[in-house]
C-alpha cells in the first residue's frame, strides 16, 4: 500500500499489511518499523523502531525525562519487540480483514448497484472493473463468482492488493526477545534518577 495514512505517513511512504486476515499472525510494516498482531488481533507487538518512533511523536521536543535515543539504547540491550497490548486501543489497530472491510464499506456507501457503472480495463495483465466514484477509483477483479479488490486510488493514497491467499502468516517472535511494557518503568526510573 503506497500513500498517506493520516498524520503518520507522508506522500510516497509505503505501508504493507500482510498475513492472516484475522490478525492471528499479520503485520503492518511502515517506514517507522513493524507491528505484528496475534491471537486474532488481541496481542500486539511493536518493533523497537516502531515503539521509539511512536514515543518520539507523542512527546514535546523539549520534554525532560527519558529521551528517544536513551529509550532506543535501553530497548536494544533487552530485546527486539515491545508487548504493548495493555496500552493500545485495540479498536484502532486493524487486522487485514478489518482494513479491507472498512474500505469496502466506504465503497458501498458511496455507490449503489443502480448507479455503479464500471468500465472494463486491464491492470498488470488482469481484467478488472474500474469504478470512478467522486474523487476515488476502485479496481475489482472481473471474476463473476469471486470478485476481489485489486486496487484503490484517491488524491493522496494508492492501495494495491496482491498475493491473495499466497502470503505467509507473520511469525511470532521468541519470548526472550519480547520486552513487556511493564519493564519500561525501569527505563523511566533510570532516566529520572
Protein backbone atom coordinates (compact mmCIF):
# COMPACT_ATOMS: atom_id res chain seq x y z
CA UNK A 1 0.00 0.00 0.00
CA UNK A 2 1.51 3.33 -1.03
CA UNK A 3 0.27 6.66 0.18
CA UNK A 4 -0.56 8.77 3.20
CA UNK A 5 -2.09 7.38 6.39
CA UNK A 6 -3.45 10.26 8.47
CA UNK A 7 -0.60 12.15 10.17
CA UNK A 8 1.75 9.21 10.32
CA UNK A 9 2.76 8.57 6.72
CA UNK A 10 3.91 11.14 4.23
CA UNK A 11 3.41 11.20 0.45
CA UNK A 12 5.34 8.36 -1.15
CA UNK A 13 5.69 6.38 2.08
CA UNK A 14 4.67 2.75 1.97
CA UNK A 15 2.55 0.74 4.40
CA UNK A 16 2.44 -3.03 3.94
CA UNK A 17 -0.35 -5.09 5.54
CA UNK A 18 0.01 -8.83 5.12
CA UNK A 19 -0.51 -12.23 6.71
CA UNK A 20 -3.50 -13.71 8.49
CA UNK A 21 -6.74 -11.90 7.65
CA UNK A 22 -7.98 -12.20 11.26
CA UNK A 23 -4.79 -10.92 12.88
CA UNK A 24 -3.58 -14.33 14.01
CA UNK A 25 -0.15 -13.67 12.54
CA UNK A 26 -0.36 -10.46 10.49
CA UNK A 27 1.92 -7.48 10.14
CA UNK A 28 1.84 -3.76 9.48
CA UNK A 29 5.16 -2.53 8.12
CA UNK A 30 5.95 1.15 7.53
CA UNK A 31 8.99 3.47 7.50
CA UNK A 32 8.53 3.67 11.29
CA UNK A 33 9.04 -0.04 11.84
CA UNK A 34 6.84 -3.09 12.18
CA UNK A 35 3.78 -4.01 14.20
CA UNK A 36 2.56 -7.61 14.44
CA UNK A 37 -0.83 -8.95 15.52
CA UNK A 38 -1.54 -12.34 17.03
CA UNK A 39 -4.43 -14.13 18.79
CA UNK A 40 -6.94 -12.72 16.28
CA UNK A 41 -5.66 -9.20 16.82
CA UNK A 42 -5.76 -9.40 20.62
CA UNK A 43 -1.96 -9.43 21.10
CA UNK A 44 0.07 -6.55 19.71
CA UNK A 45 3.86 -6.44 19.37
CA UNK A 46 5.78 -3.43 18.10
CA UNK A 47 9.37 -3.50 16.87
CA UNK A 48 11.77 -1.36 18.90
CA UNK A 49 11.99 1.02 15.95
CA UNK A 50 8.20 1.39 15.75
CA UNK A 51 7.86 1.87 19.51
CA UNK A 52 10.56 4.57 19.66
CA UNK A 53 9.05 6.40 16.67
CA UNK A 54 5.64 6.41 18.35
CA UNK A 55 7.20 7.60 21.63
CA UNK A 56 9.09 10.39 19.90
CA UNK A 57 5.98 11.52 18.00
CA UNK A 58 3.89 11.70 21.15
CA UNK A 59 6.17 13.89 23.28
CA UNK A 60 7.12 17.59 23.07
CA UNK A 61 10.58 18.23 21.63
CA UNK A 62 11.79 19.97 24.80
CA UNK A 63 10.33 17.41 27.21
CA UNK A 64 12.54 16.28 30.08
CA UNK A 65 12.93 12.71 31.24
CA UNK A 66 13.66 9.70 29.07
CA UNK A 67 14.87 10.83 25.64
CA UNK A 68 14.09 8.80 22.47
CA UNK A 69 17.78 7.98 21.97
CA UNK A 70 18.05 6.68 25.53
CA UNK A 71 14.90 4.62 25.09
CA UNK A 72 16.25 3.13 21.86
CA UNK A 73 19.52 2.11 23.55
CA UNK A 74 17.65 0.66 26.54
CA UNK A 75 15.38 -1.44 24.32
CA UNK A 76 18.21 -2.71 22.12
CA UNK A 77 20.00 -4.05 25.17
CA UNK A 78 16.96 -6.07 26.22
CA UNK A 79 15.18 -7.34 23.12
CA UNK A 80 13.67 -6.63 19.73
CA UNK A 81 9.92 -6.31 20.33
CA UNK A 82 7.71 -4.50 22.86
CA UNK A 83 4.47 -6.12 24.03
CA UNK A 84 2.02 -3.18 24.00
CA UNK A 85 -1.40 -4.87 24.14
CA UNK A 86 -2.26 -3.37 27.53
CA UNK A 87 -1.58 0.22 26.48
CA UNK A 88 -3.01 0.46 22.96
CA UNK A 89 -6.60 0.81 21.80
CA UNK A 90 -7.21 -2.49 20.02
CA UNK A 91 -10.14 -0.97 18.13
CA UNK A 92 -7.70 1.42 16.45
CA UNK A 93 -5.48 -1.40 15.17
CA UNK A 94 -6.92 -3.03 12.07
CA UNK A 95 -6.45 -6.63 11.11
CA UNK A 96 -6.08 -7.10 7.34
CA UNK A 97 -9.70 -8.25 7.27
CA UNK A 98 -10.88 -5.11 9.11
CA UNK A 99 -8.86 -2.89 6.79
CA UNK A 100 -10.50 -4.42 3.72
CA UNK A 101 -13.98 -4.38 5.27
CA UNK A 102 -13.66 -0.68 6.18
CA UNK A 103 -12.53 0.09 2.64
CA UNK A 104 -15.40 -1.98 1.23
CA UNK A 105 -17.95 -0.23 3.44
CA UNK A 106 -16.67 3.11 2.18
CA UNK A 107 -17.06 1.87 -1.38
CA UNK A 108 -20.58 0.54 -0.80
CA UNK A 109 -21.72 3.69 0.99
CA UNK A 110 -20.52 5.84 -1.89
CA UNK A 111 -22.37 3.98 -4.64
CA UNK A 112 -25.46 1.80 -5.09
CA UNK A 113 -25.92 -1.10 -7.52
CA UNK A 114 -28.23 1.05 -9.64
CA UNK A 115 -25.74 3.82 -10.36
CA UNK A 116 -22.49 1.85 -10.28
CA UNK A 117 -21.12 1.96 -13.80
CA UNK A 118 -17.80 0.23 -14.02
CA UNK A 119 -15.61 0.08 -17.10
CA UNK A 120 -13.56 -2.95 -18.08
CA UNK A 121 -9.81 -2.35 -18.12
CA UNK A 122 -6.56 -4.24 -17.68
CA UNK A 123 -4.27 -3.71 -14.68
CA UNK A 124 -0.98 -5.63 -14.57
CA UNK A 125 -2.34 -8.07 -17.14
CA UNK A 126 -5.54 -8.71 -15.15
CA UNK A 127 -9.05 -7.87 -16.35
CA UNK A 128 -10.74 -5.55 -13.86
CA UNK A 129 -13.84 -3.43 -13.43
CA UNK A 130 -12.88 0.19 -12.76
CA UNK A 131 -15.31 2.35 -10.75
CA UNK A 132 -14.82 6.12 -10.65
CA UNK A 133 -16.65 7.37 -7.56
CA UNK A 134 -16.33 11.01 -6.51
CA UNK A 135 -12.57 11.53 -6.04
CA UNK A 136 -11.66 7.86 -5.78
CA UNK A 137 -11.09 4.93 -8.13
CA UNK A 138 -11.80 1.32 -7.18
CA UNK A 139 -10.49 -1.61 -9.22
CA UNK A 140 -12.21 -5.00 -8.79
CA UNK A 141 -11.11 -8.24 -10.45
CA UNK A 142 -13.61 -9.18 -13.17
CA UNK A 143 -14.41 -12.57 -11.63
CA UNK A 144 -18.15 -13.25 -11.65
CA UNK A 145 -18.02 -15.98 -9.00
CA UNK A 146 -15.39 -14.48 -6.69
CA UNK A 147 -14.66 -10.77 -7.30
CA UNK A 148 -11.95 -9.19 -5.14
CA UNK A 149 -10.29 -5.81 -4.77
CA UNK A 150 -7.22 -5.22 -6.91
CA UNK A 151 -6.59 -1.55 -6.14
CA UNK A 152 -7.84 1.74 -4.81
CA UNK A 153 -6.66 5.25 -5.64
CA UNK A 154 -7.56 8.66 -4.24
CA UNK A 155 -5.90 12.08 -4.15
CA UNK A 156 -3.07 11.14 -1.78
CA UNK A 157 -3.44 7.38 -1.45
CA UNK A 158 -2.68 4.46 -3.72
CA UNK A 159 -3.50 0.97 -2.47
CA UNK A 160 -2.73 -2.29 -4.26
CA UNK A 161 -3.90 -5.75 -3.20
CA UNK A 162 -1.52 -8.54 -4.21
CA UNK A 163 -0.73 -12.18 -3.50
CA UNK A 164 -4.23 -13.13 -2.31
CA UNK A 165 -4.06 -16.43 -0.38
CA UNK A 166 -0.32 -16.63 -1.01
CA UNK A 167 1.39 -14.66 1.78
CA UNK A 168 2.69 -16.43 4.87
CA UNK A 169 1.45 -15.55 8.32
CA UNK A 170 3.82 -13.39 10.36
CA UNK A 171 5.92 -15.42 12.77
CA UNK A 172 5.58 -14.78 16.48
CA UNK A 173 8.98 -13.77 17.92
CA UNK A 174 10.61 -15.88 20.63
CA UNK A 175 9.65 -14.81 24.14
CA UNK A 176 13.27 -13.99 25.02
CA UNK A 177 13.31 -11.07 22.55
CA UNK A 178 9.96 -9.64 23.71
CA UNK A 179 10.03 -6.82 26.27
CA UNK A 180 6.95 -6.47 28.48
CA UNK A 181 5.63 -2.93 28.66
CA UNK A 182 5.80 -3.05 32.46
CA UNK A 183 9.58 -3.40 32.20
CA UNK A 184 9.77 0.09 30.73
CA UNK A 185 9.18 1.50 34.20
CA UNK A 186 12.79 0.55 34.86
CA UNK A 187 13.97 2.75 31.97
CA UNK A 188 11.88 5.68 33.18
CA UNK A 189 13.24 5.35 36.71
CA UNK A 190 16.82 5.21 35.43
CA UNK A 191 16.30 8.33 33.32
CA UNK A 192 14.66 10.35 36.08
CA UNK A 193 17.14 9.28 38.74
